[in-house]
Structure formats: C-alpha cells, structure tokens
Amino acid sequence: MTIDTTNLCSHLQKKLFEPDGVYYPIWQAMQNDKELTAAVRSRQLHIYRNGKKILILAGKAQPKIVREDKLNELIKKII
C-alpha cells in the first residue's frame, strides 16, 4: 500500500512510518491486509476496510475508532 504523504501531518508520518513509532505496527498490519485502504484527509490518515471507515489517525490527537475492527486491537494497546 502506498500513501501520498505530501498532506500528511509530520508528527503522524513519524509515528506511522518509523520503526520506533507508536503507529508502526498498524502500518505493518495494513501492508499485509488487502481489504484495507487509506486516504489522507485534513492531514489525518483515514483507514477503511471494504469501503467502510474504521479508524482515523492524527499526529497529535488521540486515534479515533469509528467502527470495531481487528486492527483496532493494535490501537487499544497504544492508548
């Protein structure tokens, strides 16, 4: 999966793409799951499973769980 990072918050980029970032396990899980897609909106990363939004990741704000999903288990460990 590739994401256009030009409009992605720099704090979120560090948390998501660097191996020591708190969201890095989510990024790894997204790479192995073909049902997941993501889009950058308002400098945040919106993650979808089969076209339905499940999670919103922001740089400085807490992640927002929109819909229950197995990917959210990784978030609950972080929060």
C-alpha atoms as a PDB file:
ATOM      1  CA  MET A   1       0.000   0.000   0.000  1.00  0.00           C
ATOM      2  CA  THR A   2       1.257   3.446  -0.844  1.00  0.00           C
ATOM      3  CA  ILE A   3       0.050   6.709   0.646  1.00  0.00           C
ATOM      4  CA  ASP A   4       0.553  10.228  -0.655  1.00  0.00           C
ATOM      5  CA  THR A   5       2.335  11.796   2.308  1.00  0.00           C
ATOM      6  CA  THR A   6       2.508  15.364   0.968  1.00  0.00           C
ATOM      7  CA  ASN A   7      -0.532  16.427   3.023  1.00  0.00           C
ATOM      8  CA  LEU A   8       0.082  14.104   5.973  1.00  0.00           C
ATOM      9  CA  CYS A   9       0.989  15.681   9.326  1.00  0.00           C
ATOM     10  CA  SER A  10       4.717  15.388  10.034  1.00  0.00           C
ATOM     11  CA  HIS A  11       4.040  14.069  13.544  1.00  0.00           C
ATOM     12  CA  LEU A  12       1.834  11.354  12.092  1.00  0.00           C
ATOM     13  CA  GLN A  13       4.456  10.453   9.497  1.00  0.00           C
ATOM     14  CA  LYS A  14       6.990   9.844  12.265  1.00  0.00           C
ATOM     15  CA  LYS A  15       4.535   7.792  14.332  1.00  0.00           C
ATOM     16  CA  LEU A  16       3.425   5.716  11.346  1.00  0.00           C
ATOM     17  CA  PHE A  17       6.494   5.116   9.178  1.00  0.00           C
ATOM     18  CA  GLU A  18       9.445   4.992  11.578  1.00  0.00           C
ATOM     19  CA  PRO A  19      10.129   1.575  13.180  1.00  0.00           C
ATOM     20  CA  ASP A  20      10.051   3.063  16.693  1.00  0.00           C
ATOM     21  CA  GLY A  21       6.779   4.965  16.058  1.00  0.00           C
ATOM     22  CA  VAL A  22       3.680   4.083  18.067  1.00  0.00           C
ATOM     23  CA  TYR A  23       1.566   3.501  14.923  1.00  0.00           C
ATOM     24  CA  TYR A  24       4.222   1.465  13.107  1.00  0.00           C
ATOM     25  CA  PRO A  25       2.533  -1.892  13.982  1.00  0.00           C
ATOM     26  CA  ILE A  26      -0.630  -0.568  12.321  1.00  0.00           C
ATOM     27  CA  TRP A  27       1.327   0.338   9.192  1.00  0.00           C
ATOM     28  CA  GLN A  28       2.792  -3.187   9.106  1.00  0.00           C
ATOM     29  CA  ALA A  29      -0.679  -4.730   9.502  1.00  0.00           C
ATOM     30  CA  MET A  30      -2.017  -2.533   6.701  1.00  0.00           C
ATOM     31  CA  GLN A  31       0.676  -3.819   4.345  1.00  0.00           C
ATOM     32  CA  ASN A  32      -0.477  -7.415   4.830  1.00  0.00           C
ATOM     33  CA  ASP A  33      -4.241  -6.857   4.621  1.00  0.00           C
ATOM     34  CA  LYS A  34      -5.683  -6.424   1.123  1.00  0.00           C
ATOM     35  CA  GLU A  35      -9.114  -5.391   2.470  1.00  0.00           C
ATOM     36  CA  LEU A  36      -7.697  -2.169   3.946  1.00  0.00           C
ATOM     37  CA  THR A  37      -7.381   1.137   2.133  1.00  0.00           C
ATOM     38  CA  ALA A  38      -6.338   4.538   3.412  1.00  0.00           C
ATOM     39  CA  ALA A  39      -6.742   8.177   2.420  1.00  0.00           C
ATOM     40  CA  VAL A  40      -5.206  11.386   3.723  1.00  0.00           C
ATOM     41  CA  ARG A  41      -7.802  13.979   4.686  1.00  0.00           C
ATOM     42  CA  SER A  42      -7.174  17.133   6.737  1.00  0.00           C
ATOM     43  CA  ARG A  43      -3.613  15.968   7.480  1.00  0.00           C
ATOM     44  CA  GLN A  44      -5.012  12.803   9.108  1.00  0.00           C
ATOM     45  CA  LEU A  45      -4.995   9.202   7.907  1.00  0.00           C
ATOM     46  CA  HIS A  46      -8.442   7.668   7.429  1.00  0.00           C
ATOM     47  CA  ILE A  47      -8.361   3.867   7.257  1.00  0.00           C
ATOM     48  CA  TYR A  48     -11.125   1.855   5.586  1.00  0.00           C
ATOM     49  CA  ARG A  49     -11.992  -1.845   5.436  1.00  0.00           C
ATOM     50  CA  ASN A  50     -14.071  -2.808   2.412  1.00  0.00           C
ATOM     51  CA  GLY A  51     -15.027   0.851   1.890  1.00  0.00           C
ATOM     52  CA  LYS A  52     -16.222   1.457   5.460  1.00  0.00           C
ATOM     53  CA  LYS A  53     -14.230   3.786   7.702  1.00  0.00           C
ATOM     54  CA  ILE A  54     -12.816   2.041  10.763  1.00  0.00           C
ATOM     55  CA  LEU A  55     -10.115   4.332  12.135  1.00  0.00           C
ATOM     56  CA  ILE A  56      -8.709   7.868  12.000  1.00  0.00           C
ATOM     57  CA  LEU A  57      -5.093   8.518  12.956  1.00  0.00           C
ATOM     58  CA  ALA A  58      -3.885  12.025  13.739  1.00  0.00           C
ATOM     59  CA  GLY A  59      -0.437  13.355  14.581  1.00  0.00           C
ATOM     60  CA  LYS A  60      -1.013  14.934  17.985  1.00  0.00           C
ATOM     61  CA  ALA A  61      -4.602  13.937  18.787  1.00  0.00           C
ATOM     62  CA  GLN A  62      -5.751  10.566  20.040  1.00  0.00           C
ATOM     63  CA  PRO A  63      -6.750   7.999  17.393  1.00  0.00           C
ATOM     64  CA  LYS A  64     -10.476   7.839  16.741  1.00  0.00           C
ATOM     65  CA  ILE A  65     -12.082   4.410  16.440  1.00  0.00           C
ATOM     66  CA  VAL A  66     -15.063   4.728  14.118  1.00  0.00           C
ATOM     67  CA  ARG A  67     -16.057   1.057  13.778  1.00  0.00           C
ATOM     68  CA  GLU A  68     -14.968  -2.076  15.623  1.00  0.00           C
ATOM     69  CA  ASP A  69     -12.289  -3.956  13.701  1.00  0.00           C
ATOM     70  CA  LYS A  70      -9.411  -6.329  14.406  1.00  0.00           C
ATOM     71  CA  LEU A  71      -6.986  -3.513  13.509  1.00  0.00           C
ATOM     72  CA  ASN A  72      -8.289  -1.562  16.496  1.00  0.00           C
ATOM     73  CA  GLU A  73      -6.723  -4.102  18.859  1.00  0.00           C
ATOM     74  CA  LEU A  74      -3.351  -2.576  17.960  1.00  0.00           C
ATOM     75  CA  ILE A  75      -4.683   0.876  18.856  1.00  0.00           C
ATOM     76  CA  LYS A  76      -6.065  -0.254  22.214  1.00  0.00           C
ATOM     77  CA  LYS A  77      -2.566  -1.406  23.203  1.00  0.00           C
ATOM     78  CA  ILE A  78      -1.238   2.102  22.465  1.00  0.00           C
ATOM     79  CA  ILE A  79      -3.943   4.161  24.197  1.00  0.00           C
END
